[in-house]
Amino acid sequence: MKLYIKQKIFTFAPEFAVKDEFGNDRWYVQGKFISLDRAHTIYNSAHQPVARIYRDLFRLMHHYHLELGGVEVAEIVREFSLFRPRYSITGGDLSIEGEWLAHEYSIFEGNRSIMQISKQWFTWGDSYVLDIPNPQHELLALGVTLAIDICLSDSKS
């Protein structure tokens, strides 16, 4: 299964649809315009909240929490590094590898890949393709991807 994220570049509040491989709106993401915790909510196609991403404010490095159905399933942490960003995931048997600045990375559960992401270049706004072999991991993969993207944009500003 593939998901496509296309973020608009001239919006004040991050709000966009995540489309499936047939062009249908599958998920909706909405963030707050002014928010210290950088909270984002993922809604299903019936506009019901199914996941939440938020920043832990009382940490030196960026720590983002991912809740699915009100239960925290992962914490995405930006690790200290001098030249390139590095991330780790706690929760379950998850790990992440790849080139974050280029938005080319994979998420693993154990030694099995559950998602690969790639950025589409030369488009207005940020456009990403998430390749998720098992639809069961769809919301987890989307949440982790959004948390890393939020963290990267925080680091730029």
C-alpha atoms as a PDB file:
ATOM      1  CA  MET A   1       0.000   0.000   0.000  1.00  0.00           C
ATOM      2  CA  LYS A   2       1.203   3.499  -0.776  1.00  0.00           C
ATOM      3  CA  LEU A   3       0.274   6.769   0.873  1.00  0.00           C
ATOM      4  CA  TYR A   4       0.951  10.201  -0.590  1.00  0.00           C
ATOM      5  CA  ILE A   5       1.486  13.319   1.509  1.00  0.00           C
ATOM      6  CA  LYS A   6       1.364  16.730  -0.155  1.00  0.00           C
ATOM      7  CA  GLN A   7       1.749  19.678   2.200  1.00  0.00           C
ATOM      8  CA  LYS A   8       0.726  23.158   1.111  1.00  0.00           C
ATOM      9  CA  ILE A   9       3.471  25.737   1.453  1.00  0.00           C
ATOM     10  CA  PHE A  10       1.401  28.875   1.968  1.00  0.00           C
ATOM     11  CA  THR A  11      -0.742  27.918   4.963  1.00  0.00           C
ATOM     12  CA  PHE A  12      -0.581  29.196   8.518  1.00  0.00           C
ATOM     13  CA  ALA A  13      -1.945  26.054  10.157  1.00  0.00           C
ATOM     14  CA  PRO A  14      -0.667  22.709   8.925  1.00  0.00           C
ATOM     15  CA  GLU A  15      -3.709  21.001   7.482  1.00  0.00           C
ATOM     16  CA  PHE A  16      -3.620  18.501   4.656  1.00  0.00           C
ATOM     17  CA  ALA A  17      -5.022  15.234   3.370  1.00  0.00           C
ATOM     18  CA  VAL A  18      -3.057  12.015   2.998  1.00  0.00           C
ATOM     19  CA  LYS A  19      -4.100  10.182  -0.141  1.00  0.00           C
ATOM     20  CA  ASP A  20      -3.996   6.509  -1.048  1.00  0.00           C
ATOM     21  CA  GLU A  21      -2.604   5.131  -4.303  1.00  0.00           C
ATOM     22  CA  PHE A  22      -5.960   5.704  -6.042  1.00  0.00           C
ATOM     23  CA  GLY A  23      -6.067   9.420  -5.178  1.00  0.00           C
ATOM     24  CA  ASN A  24      -8.691   9.071  -2.435  1.00  0.00           C
ATOM     25  CA  ASP A  25      -8.385  11.013   0.812  1.00  0.00           C
ATOM     26  CA  ARG A  26      -7.429   8.351   3.379  1.00  0.00           C
ATOM     27  CA  TRP A  27      -6.329  10.429   6.400  1.00  0.00           C
ATOM     28  CA  TYR A  28      -6.506  14.089   7.380  1.00  0.00           C
ATOM     29  CA  VAL A  29      -3.828  15.836   9.431  1.00  0.00           C
ATOM     30  CA  GLN A  30      -4.453  19.027  11.341  1.00  0.00           C
ATOM     31  CA  GLY A  31      -2.025  21.003  13.491  1.00  0.00           C
ATOM     32  CA  LYS A  32      -2.410  24.106  15.597  1.00  0.00           C
ATOM     33  CA  PHE A  33      -1.291  27.519  14.341  1.00  0.00           C
ATOM     34  CA  ILE A  34       0.253  28.550  17.657  1.00  0.00           C
ATOM     35  CA  SER A  35       1.112  25.661  19.932  1.00  0.00           C
ATOM     36  CA  LEU A  36       4.038  25.040  22.241  1.00  0.00           C
ATOM     37  CA  ASP A  37       3.691  21.260  22.085  1.00  0.00           C
ATOM     38  CA  ARG A  38       3.371  21.276  18.245  1.00  0.00           C
ATOM     39  CA  ALA A  39       0.359  18.948  18.547  1.00  0.00           C
ATOM     40  CA  HIS A  40      -0.997  17.377  15.366  1.00  0.00           C
ATOM     41  CA  THR A  41      -4.070  15.185  15.108  1.00  0.00           C
ATOM     42  CA  ILE A  42      -4.683  12.531  12.460  1.00  0.00           C
ATOM     43  CA  TYR A  43      -8.320  11.957  11.486  1.00  0.00           C
ATOM     44  CA  ASN A  44      -9.826   9.059   9.550  1.00  0.00           C
ATOM     45  CA  SER A  45     -12.015   9.529   6.462  1.00  0.00           C
ATOM     46  CA  ALA A  46     -15.076  10.036   8.729  1.00  0.00           C
ATOM     47  CA  HIS A  47     -13.177  12.938  10.409  1.00  0.00           C
ATOM     48  CA  GLN A  48     -12.837  11.107  13.728  1.00  0.00           C
ATOM     49  CA  PRO A  49      -9.518  11.539  15.593  1.00  0.00           C
ATOM     50  CA  VAL A  50      -7.454   8.344  15.536  1.00  0.00           C
ATOM     51  CA  ALA A  51      -3.928   9.504  16.396  1.00  0.00           C
ATOM     52  CA  ARG A  52      -2.104  12.389  18.047  1.00  0.00           C
ATOM     53  CA  ILE A  53       1.493  13.591  17.836  1.00  0.00           C
ATOM     54  CA  TYR A  54       2.816  16.052  20.403  1.00  0.00           C
ATOM     55  CA  ARG A  55       6.126  17.359  21.685  1.00  0.00           C
ATOM     56  CA  ASP A  56       7.422  16.859  25.219  1.00  0.00           C
ATOM     57  CA  LEU A  57       8.225  20.422  26.275  1.00  0.00           C
ATOM     58  CA  PHE A  58      10.484  19.673  29.210  1.00  0.00           C
ATOM     59  CA  ARG A  59      13.316  17.952  27.354  1.00  0.00           C
ATOM     60  CA  LEU A  60      16.552  19.342  25.968  1.00  0.00           C
ATOM     61  CA  MET A  61      16.376  17.399  22.684  1.00  0.00           C
ATOM     62  CA  HIS A  62      13.168  17.052  20.652  1.00  0.00           C
ATOM     63  CA  HIS A  63      10.950  14.259  21.978  1.00  0.00           C
ATOM     64  CA  TYR A  64       7.675  13.547  20.174  1.00  0.00           C
ATOM     65  CA  HIS A  65       5.018  11.147  21.390  1.00  0.00           C
ATOM     66  CA  LEU A  66       2.704   9.189  19.108  1.00  0.00           C
ATOM     67  CA  GLU A  67      -0.653   8.094  20.477  1.00  0.00           C
ATOM     68  CA  LEU A  68      -2.929   5.757  18.553  1.00  0.00           C
ATOM     69  CA  GLY A  69      -6.444   5.560  19.945  1.00  0.00           C
ATOM     70  CA  GLY A  70      -5.360   7.397  23.110  1.00  0.00           C
ATOM     71  CA  VAL A  71      -2.537   4.932  23.884  1.00  0.00           C
ATOM     72  CA  GLU A  72       1.098   5.972  23.499  1.00  0.00           C
ATOM     73  CA  VAL A  73       2.752   3.528  21.105  1.00  0.00           C
ATOM     74  CA  ALA A  74       6.023   5.280  20.277  1.00  0.00           C
ATOM     75  CA  GLU A  75       8.362   8.091  21.242  1.00  0.00           C
ATOM     76  CA  ILE A  76      10.467   9.637  18.508  1.00  0.00           C
ATOM     77  CA  VAL A  77      13.659  11.260  19.821  1.00  0.00           C
ATOM     78  CA  ARG A  78      16.094  13.483  18.000  1.00  0.00           C
ATOM     79  CA  GLU A  79      19.487  12.377  19.246  1.00  0.00           C
ATOM     80  CA  PHE A  80      22.451  14.651  19.763  1.00  0.00           C
ATOM     81  CA  SER A  81      24.714  14.863  16.715  1.00  0.00           C
ATOM     82  CA  LEU A  82      26.919  17.601  15.312  1.00  0.00           C
ATOM     83  CA  PHE A  83      26.458  17.395  11.552  1.00  0.00           C
ATOM     84  CA  ARG A  84      23.359  15.388  10.646  1.00  0.00           C
ATOM     85  CA  PRO A  85      20.125  14.715  12.461  1.00  0.00           C
ATOM     86  CA  ARG A  86      19.658  11.256  13.976  1.00  0.00           C
ATOM     87  CA  TYR A  87      16.471   9.796  15.378  1.00  0.00           C
ATOM     88  CA  SER A  88      15.518   6.846  17.496  1.00  0.00           C
ATOM     89  CA  ILE A  89      12.155   5.284  18.246  1.00  0.00           C
ATOM     90  CA  THR A  90      11.188   3.746  21.552  1.00  0.00           C
ATOM     91  CA  GLY A  91       8.135   1.573  21.905  1.00  0.00           C
ATOM     92  CA  GLY A  92       7.807  -1.953  20.631  1.00  0.00           C
ATOM     93  CA  ASP A  93      10.685  -3.330  18.585  1.00  0.00           C
ATOM     94  CA  LEU A  94      10.924  -0.315  16.266  1.00  0.00           C
ATOM     95  CA  SER A  95      14.019   1.238  14.710  1.00  0.00           C
ATOM     96  CA  ILE A  96      14.687   3.732  11.956  1.00  0.00           C
ATOM     97  CA  GLU A  97      17.493   4.022   9.405  1.00  0.00           C
ATOM     98  CA  GLY A  98      18.208   6.319   6.507  1.00  0.00           C
ATOM     99  CA  GLU A  99      18.950   9.834   5.363  1.00  0.00           C
ATOM    100  CA  TRP A 100      16.566  12.177   7.175  1.00  0.00           C
ATOM    101  CA  LEU A 101      17.536  15.431   5.490  1.00  0.00           C
ATOM    102  CA  ALA A 102      16.817  13.837   2.129  1.00  0.00           C
ATOM    103  CA  HIS A 103      13.633  12.235   3.527  1.00  0.00           C
ATOM    104  CA  GLU A 104      14.759   8.786   2.440  1.00  0.00           C
ATOM    105  CA  TYR A 105      14.451   6.353   5.315  1.00  0.00           C
ATOM    106  CA  SER A 106      12.869   3.108   6.495  1.00  0.00           C
ATOM    107  CA  ILE A 107      11.163   2.017   9.685  1.00  0.00           C
ATOM    108  CA  PHE A 108      11.823  -1.500  10.926  1.00  0.00           C
ATOM    109  CA  GLU A 109      10.045  -3.768  13.370  1.00  0.00           C
ATOM    110  CA  GLY A 110      12.781  -6.131  14.431  1.00  0.00           C
ATOM    111  CA  ASN A 111      14.654  -6.764  11.185  1.00  0.00           C
ATOM    112  CA  ARG A 112      11.542  -6.524   8.966  1.00  0.00           C
ATOM    113  CA  SER A 113      10.851  -3.275   7.096  1.00  0.00           C
ATOM    114  CA  ILE A 114       7.371  -1.888   7.761  1.00  0.00           C
ATOM    115  CA  MET A 115       7.745   1.332   5.728  1.00  0.00           C
ATOM    116  CA  GLN A 116       9.985   3.156   3.299  1.00  0.00           C
ATOM    117  CA  ILE A 117       9.576   6.881   2.680  1.00  0.00           C
ATOM    118  CA  SER A 118      10.904   8.961  -0.161  1.00  0.00           C
ATOM    119  CA  LYS A 119      10.550  12.643  -0.892  1.00  0.00           C
ATOM    120  CA  GLN A 120       9.416  13.779  -4.312  1.00  0.00           C
ATOM    121  CA  TRP A 121      11.578  16.647  -5.486  1.00  0.00           C
ATOM    122  CA  PHE A 122      10.687  19.649  -7.663  1.00  0.00           C
ATOM    123  CA  THR A 123       7.126  19.999  -6.368  1.00  0.00           C
ATOM    124  CA  TRP A 124       5.343  22.920  -4.681  1.00  0.00           C
ATOM    125  CA  GLY A 125       5.420  22.149  -0.982  1.00  0.00           C
ATOM    126  CA  ASP A 126       6.688  18.955   0.515  1.00  0.00           C
ATOM    127  CA  SER A 127       5.539  15.746  -1.192  1.00  0.00           C
ATOM    128  CA  TYR A 128       6.270  12.293   0.175  1.00  0.00           C
ATOM    129  CA  VAL A 129       5.520   8.709  -0.820  1.00  0.00           C
ATOM    130  CA  LEU A 130       5.147   6.140   1.972  1.00  0.00           C
ATOM    131  CA  ASP A 131       5.431   2.535   0.833  1.00  0.00           C
ATOM    132  CA  ILE A 132       3.855   0.327   3.499  1.00  0.00           C
ATOM    133  CA  PRO A 133       3.806  -3.426   2.728  1.00  0.00           C
ATOM    134  CA  ASN A 134       1.327  -4.319   5.506  1.00  0.00           C
ATOM    135  CA  PRO A 135      -1.780  -2.084   5.887  1.00  0.00           C
ATOM    136  CA  GLN A 136      -1.775  -2.996   9.588  1.00  0.00           C
ATOM    137  CA  HIS A 137       1.237  -0.653  10.055  1.00  0.00           C
ATOM    138  CA  GLU A 138      -0.276   2.226   8.072  1.00  0.00           C
ATOM    139  CA  LEU A 139      -1.224   4.572  10.914  1.00  0.00           C
ATOM    140  CA  LEU A 140       1.960   3.854  12.913  1.00  0.00           C
ATOM    141  CA  ALA A 141       4.144   4.567   9.871  1.00  0.00           C
ATOM    142  CA  LEU A 142       2.237   7.758   9.057  1.00  0.00           C
ATOM    143  CA  GLY A 143       2.538   8.998  12.657  1.00  0.00           C
ATOM    144  CA  VAL A 144       6.289   8.379  12.862  1.00  0.00           C
ATOM    145  CA  THR A 145       6.828  10.068   9.487  1.00  0.00           C
ATOM    146  CA  LEU A 146       4.881  13.146  10.564  1.00  0.00           C
ATOM    147  CA  ALA A 147       6.744  13.345  13.888  1.00  0.00           C
ATOM    148  CA  ILE A 148      10.108  13.343  12.096  1.00  0.00           C
ATOM    149  CA  ASP A 149       8.888  15.946   9.602  1.00  0.00           C
ATOM    150  CA  ILE A 150       7.662  18.200  12.440  1.00  0.00           C
ATOM    151  CA  CYS A 151      10.980  17.779  14.236  1.00  0.00           C
ATOM    152  CA  LEU A 152      12.947  18.674  11.081  1.00  0.00           C
ATOM    153  CA  SER A 153      10.843  21.784  10.528  1.00  0.00           C
ATOM    154  CA  ASP A 154      11.334  22.790  14.198  1.00  0.00           C
ATOM    155  CA  SER A 155      15.083  22.502  13.741  1.00  0.00           C
ATOM    156  CA  LYS A 156      15.026  24.784  10.687  1.00  0.00           C
ATOM    157  CA  SER A 157      13.145  27.550  12.494  1.00  0.00           C
END
